[in-house]
Amino acid sequence: MEFQYKTLLSLDSITKFLNQAERSTAIKLMLNQEAEPTEKMNEALVIIDHFKWEPPEFKIGQDRITRFYNETTEKWQMIEHYKHPIINEIQKLK
């Protein structure tokens, strides 16, 4: 279960589809603390499972810009350039 919510938070880092309360809930669930996931969180987990999505390697630089490692180009790119079919589905949950 912990891995599910870590993946959910990774996806949120890219798409910013969760609100602050949902992020806090995901963290509590990761830590096995008592919390109830929202319907949006559950829907997102279904989408993640459907796509068998795993987060790309990413980092936040000293300039506070999030970048992901693009395995195709073998370069770090700004997260705004990350493309995957899951992004469109998750955007519908906003």
N, C-alpha and C. Protein backbone atom coordinates (compact mmCIF):
# COMPACT_ATOMS: atom_id res chain seq x y z
N MET A 1 0.82 -1.19 0.00
CA MET A 1 0.00 0.00 0.00
C MET A 1 0.87 1.26 0.00
N GLU A 2 1.96 1.23 0.77
CA GLU A 2 2.86 2.39 0.85
C GLU A 2 3.35 2.79 -0.55
N PHE A 3 3.71 1.77 -1.36
CA PHE A 3 4.21 2.04 -2.71
C PHE A 3 3.16 2.74 -3.55
N GLN A 4 1.89 2.32 -3.41
CA GLN A 4 0.80 2.94 -4.17
C GLN A 4 0.74 4.43 -3.91
N TYR A 5 0.80 4.81 -2.66
CA TYR A 5 0.66 6.23 -2.32
C TYR A 5 1.91 7.02 -2.66
N LYS A 6 3.07 6.38 -2.61
CA LYS A 6 4.29 7.05 -3.06
C LYS A 6 4.20 7.32 -4.56
N THR A 7 3.69 6.36 -5.31
CA THR A 7 3.51 6.53 -6.75
C THR A 7 2.48 7.63 -7.02
N LEU A 8 1.41 7.64 -6.25
CA LEU A 8 0.38 8.67 -6.37
C LEU A 8 0.99 10.06 -6.15
N LEU A 9 1.82 10.20 -5.13
CA LEU A 9 2.46 11.48 -4.86
C LEU A 9 3.47 11.85 -5.94
N SER A 10 4.13 10.87 -6.51
CA SER A 10 5.05 11.14 -7.62
C SER A 10 4.28 11.69 -8.82
N LEU A 11 3.14 11.08 -9.10
CA LEU A 11 2.31 11.56 -10.21
C LEU A 11 1.80 12.97 -9.92
N ASP A 12 1.44 13.23 -8.68
CA ASP A 12 0.99 14.57 -8.30
C ASP A 12 2.12 15.58 -8.45
N SER A 13 3.35 15.18 -8.21
CA SER A 13 4.49 16.09 -8.39
C SER A 13 4.60 16.55 -9.84
N ILE A 14 4.16 15.71 -10.75
CA ILE A 14 4.21 16.04 -12.18
C ILE A 14 2.97 16.82 -12.60
N THR A 15 1.80 16.40 -12.14
CA THR A 15 0.54 16.95 -12.66
C THR A 15 -0.15 17.95 -11.73
N LYS A 16 0.19 17.95 -10.45
CA LYS A 16 -0.43 18.84 -9.46
C LYS A 16 -1.95 18.69 -9.43
N PHE A 17 -2.44 17.44 -9.41
CA PHE A 17 -3.88 17.20 -9.44
C PHE A 17 -4.50 17.04 -8.06
N LEU A 18 -3.69 16.83 -7.03
CA LEU A 18 -4.21 16.69 -5.67
C LEU A 18 -4.19 18.05 -4.97
N ASN A 19 -5.13 18.23 -4.04
CA ASN A 19 -5.06 19.43 -3.22
C ASN A 19 -4.21 19.12 -1.98
N GLN A 20 -3.94 20.12 -1.17
CA GLN A 20 -3.04 19.94 -0.02
C GLN A 20 -3.57 18.89 0.96
N ALA A 21 -4.87 18.87 1.20
CA ALA A 21 -5.45 17.89 2.12
C ALA A 21 -5.26 16.47 1.59
N GLU A 22 -5.41 16.29 0.27
CA GLU A 22 -5.23 14.96 -0.32
C GLU A 22 -3.76 14.54 -0.26
N ARG A 23 -2.85 15.48 -0.43
CA ARG A 23 -1.42 15.16 -0.30
C ARG A 23 -1.12 14.70 1.13
N SER A 24 -1.68 15.41 2.09
CA SER A 24 -1.48 15.04 3.50
C SER A 24 -2.06 13.66 3.79
N THR A 25 -3.23 13.38 3.22
CA THR A 25 -3.85 12.07 3.40
C THR A 25 -2.97 10.97 2.81
N ALA A 26 -2.42 11.21 1.62
CA ALA A 26 -1.55 10.21 0.99
C ALA A 26 -0.33 9.94 1.85
N ILE A 27 0.24 10.99 2.43
CA ILE A 27 1.40 10.81 3.30
C ILE A 27 1.03 10.01 4.54
N LYS A 28 -0.11 10.32 5.14
CA LYS A 28 -0.57 9.56 6.31
C LYS A 28 -0.76 8.09 5.95
N LEU A 29 -1.36 7.83 4.80
CA LEU A 29 -1.59 6.44 4.39
C LEU A 29 -0.27 5.73 4.13
N MET A 30 0.71 6.45 3.57
CA MET A 30 2.04 5.87 3.37
C MET A 30 2.67 5.46 4.69
N LEU A 31 2.40 6.24 5.72
CA LEU A 31 2.97 5.98 7.04
C LEU A 31 2.10 5.07 7.90
N ASN A 32 1.09 4.48 7.25
CA ASN A 32 0.15 3.57 7.91
C ASN A 32 -0.61 4.25 9.05
N GLN A 33 -0.83 5.53 8.92
CA GLN A 33 -1.65 6.26 9.89
C GLN A 33 -3.10 6.24 9.41
N GLU A 34 -4.00 6.46 10.32
CA GLU A 34 -5.41 6.39 9.98
C GLU A 34 -5.80 7.59 9.12
N ALA A 35 -6.35 7.30 7.95
CA ALA A 35 -6.82 8.32 7.02
C ALA A 35 -7.69 7.63 5.98
N GLU A 36 -8.56 8.39 5.37
CA GLU A 36 -9.47 7.85 4.36
C GLU A 36 -9.16 8.52 3.02
N PRO A 37 -8.77 7.72 1.99
CA PRO A 37 -8.50 8.32 0.68
C PRO A 37 -9.79 8.88 0.06
N THR A 38 -9.63 9.93 -0.71
CA THR A 38 -10.78 10.52 -1.39
C THR A 38 -11.12 9.70 -2.64
N GLU A 39 -12.28 9.97 -3.19
CA GLU A 39 -12.69 9.29 -4.42
C GLU A 39 -11.70 9.59 -5.54
N LYS A 40 -11.24 10.85 -5.61
CA LYS A 40 -10.27 11.23 -6.65
C LYS A 40 -8.97 10.43 -6.49
N MET A 41 -8.52 10.24 -5.26
CA MET A 41 -7.30 9.47 -5.03
C MET A 41 -7.49 8.02 -5.48
N ASN A 42 -8.65 7.44 -5.14
CA ASN A 42 -8.92 6.06 -5.55
C ASN A 42 -9.01 5.94 -7.07
N GLU A 43 -9.63 6.93 -7.73
CA GLU A 43 -9.71 6.91 -9.19
C GLU A 43 -8.32 7.00 -9.81
N ALA A 44 -7.47 7.84 -9.23
CA ALA A 44 -6.11 7.97 -9.73
C ALA A 44 -5.33 6.67 -9.58
N LEU A 45 -5.52 5.97 -8.47
CA LEU A 45 -4.84 4.69 -8.27
C LEU A 45 -5.29 3.66 -9.30
N VAL A 46 -6.56 3.69 -9.68
CA VAL A 46 -7.07 2.79 -10.73
C VAL A 46 -6.40 3.12 -12.06
N ILE A 47 -6.27 4.41 -12.36
CA ILE A 47 -5.62 4.83 -13.61
C ILE A 47 -4.15 4.42 -13.61
N ILE A 48 -3.47 4.62 -12.49
CA ILE A 48 -2.06 4.21 -12.39
C ILE A 48 -1.93 2.71 -12.65
N ASP A 49 -2.81 1.94 -12.05
CA ASP A 49 -2.79 0.49 -12.24
C ASP A 49 -3.09 0.11 -13.69
N HIS A 50 -4.06 0.79 -14.29
CA HIS A 50 -4.43 0.51 -15.68
C HIS A 50 -3.24 0.71 -16.62
N PHE A 51 -2.51 1.80 -16.42
CA PHE A 51 -1.37 2.10 -17.29
C PHE A 51 -0.09 1.40 -16.84
N LYS A 52 -0.14 0.73 -15.67
CA LYS A 52 1.07 0.11 -15.10
C LYS A 52 2.19 1.16 -15.02
N TRP A 53 1.78 2.36 -14.63
CA TRP A 53 2.70 3.51 -14.62
C TRP A 53 3.68 3.47 -13.48
N GLU A 54 4.91 3.76 -13.80
CA GLU A 54 5.95 3.94 -12.79
C GLU A 54 6.57 5.31 -13.02
N PRO A 55 6.83 6.03 -11.96
CA PRO A 55 7.36 7.39 -12.14
C PRO A 55 8.74 7.39 -12.79
N PRO A 56 8.98 8.41 -13.61
CA PRO A 56 10.33 8.53 -14.17
C PRO A 56 11.28 8.98 -13.05
N GLU A 57 12.55 8.81 -13.28
CA GLU A 57 13.53 9.35 -12.35
C GLU A 57 13.46 10.87 -12.45
N PHE A 58 13.30 11.54 -11.32
CA PHE A 58 13.28 13.00 -11.39
C PHE A 58 13.98 13.60 -10.19
N LYS A 59 14.33 14.88 -10.35
CA LYS A 59 15.06 15.59 -9.29
C LYS A 59 14.65 17.05 -9.30
N ILE A 60 14.86 17.70 -8.17
CA ILE A 60 14.62 19.14 -8.06
C ILE A 60 15.99 19.78 -7.90
N GLY A 61 16.32 20.65 -8.84
CA GLY A 61 17.63 21.29 -8.84
C GLY A 61 17.72 22.43 -7.85
N GLN A 62 18.92 22.99 -7.72
CA GLN A 62 19.12 24.14 -6.84
C GLN A 62 18.28 25.32 -7.28
N ASP A 63 17.90 25.35 -8.55
CA ASP A 63 17.06 26.42 -9.07
C ASP A 63 15.58 26.16 -8.78
N ARG A 64 15.30 25.05 -8.05
CA ARG A 64 13.95 24.65 -7.63
C ARG A 64 13.07 24.20 -8.80
N ILE A 65 13.69 23.87 -9.91
CA ILE A 65 12.97 23.37 -11.09
C ILE A 65 13.03 21.85 -11.09
N THR A 66 11.87 21.23 -11.27
CA THR A 66 11.80 19.77 -11.30
C THR A 66 12.14 19.30 -12.71
N ARG A 67 13.01 18.31 -12.77
CA ARG A 67 13.41 17.73 -14.06
C ARG A 67 13.28 16.21 -13.97
N PHE A 68 13.02 15.60 -15.12
CA PHE A 68 12.96 14.15 -15.19
C PHE A 68 14.03 13.68 -16.17
N TYR A 69 14.46 12.43 -15.97
CA TYR A 69 15.46 11.87 -16.87
C TYR A 69 14.75 11.21 -18.04
N ASN A 70 14.95 11.76 -19.23
CA ASN A 70 14.35 11.23 -20.44
C ASN A 70 15.26 10.12 -20.96
N GLU A 71 14.80 8.88 -20.85
CA GLU A 71 15.62 7.74 -21.26
C GLU A 71 15.84 7.71 -22.77
N THR A 72 14.93 8.28 -23.53
CA THR A 72 15.07 8.30 -24.99
C THR A 72 16.22 9.21 -25.41
N THR A 73 16.25 10.42 -24.85
CA THR A 73 17.30 11.37 -25.21
C THR A 73 18.52 11.28 -24.30
N GLU A 74 18.37 10.53 -23.20
CA GLU A 74 19.43 10.39 -22.19
C GLU A 74 19.85 11.74 -21.63
N LYS A 75 18.83 12.61 -21.39
CA LYS A 75 19.09 13.94 -20.85
C LYS A 75 18.03 14.27 -19.80
N TRP A 76 18.39 15.17 -18.90
CA TRP A 76 17.43 15.70 -17.93
C TRP A 76 16.63 16.80 -18.62
N GLN A 77 15.31 16.74 -18.48
CA GLN A 77 14.43 17.73 -19.09
C GLN A 77 13.47 18.28 -18.05
N MET A 78 12.96 19.47 -18.31
CA MET A 78 11.98 20.06 -17.40
C MET A 78 10.74 19.19 -17.37
N ILE A 79 10.15 19.06 -16.20
CA ILE A 79 9.03 18.15 -15.99
C ILE A 79 7.84 18.49 -16.89
N GLU A 80 7.71 19.74 -17.31
CA GLU A 80 6.62 20.15 -18.19
C GLU A 80 6.67 19.42 -19.54
N HIS A 81 7.83 18.87 -19.88
CA HIS A 81 7.98 18.16 -21.15
C HIS A 81 7.71 16.66 -21.04
N TYR A 82 7.38 16.20 -19.83
CA TYR A 82 7.10 14.78 -19.62
C TYR A 82 5.81 14.40 -20.34
N LYS A 83 5.89 13.40 -21.18
CA LYS A 83 4.72 12.94 -21.95
C LYS A 83 4.45 11.47 -21.65
N HIS A 84 3.20 11.19 -21.33
CA HIS A 84 2.75 9.82 -21.10
C HIS A 84 1.23 9.86 -21.17
N PRO A 85 0.58 8.84 -21.73
CA PRO A 85 -0.89 8.85 -21.83
C PRO A 85 -1.60 9.03 -20.49
N ILE A 86 -0.97 8.66 -19.40
CA ILE A 86 -1.60 8.80 -18.08
C ILE A 86 -1.87 10.27 -17.74
N ILE A 87 -1.05 11.17 -18.25
CA ILE A 87 -1.19 12.59 -17.93
C ILE A 87 -2.57 13.10 -18.35
N ASN A 88 -3.01 12.77 -19.55
CA ASN A 88 -4.33 13.21 -20.02
C ASN A 88 -5.44 12.68 -19.14
N GLU A 89 -5.34 11.43 -18.73
CA GLU A 89 -6.39 10.83 -17.88
C GLU A 89 -6.43 11.49 -16.51
N ILE A 90 -5.26 11.75 -15.95
CA ILE A 90 -5.20 12.37 -14.62
C ILE A 90 -5.70 13.82 -14.67
N GLN A 91 -5.42 14.51 -15.76
CA GLN A 91 -5.89 15.90 -15.89
C GLN A 91 -7.41 15.98 -15.82
N LYS A 92 -8.09 14.93 -16.25
CA LYS A 92 -9.55 14.91 -16.21
C LYS A 92 -10.09 14.87 -14.76
N LEU A 93 -9.25 14.48 -13.81
CA LEU A 93 -9.67 14.39 -12.40
C LEU A 93 -9.60 15.74 -11.68
N LYS A 94 -8.93 16.71 -12.27
CA LYS A 94 -8.75 18.02 -11.61
C LYS A 94 -10.08 18.68 -11.34
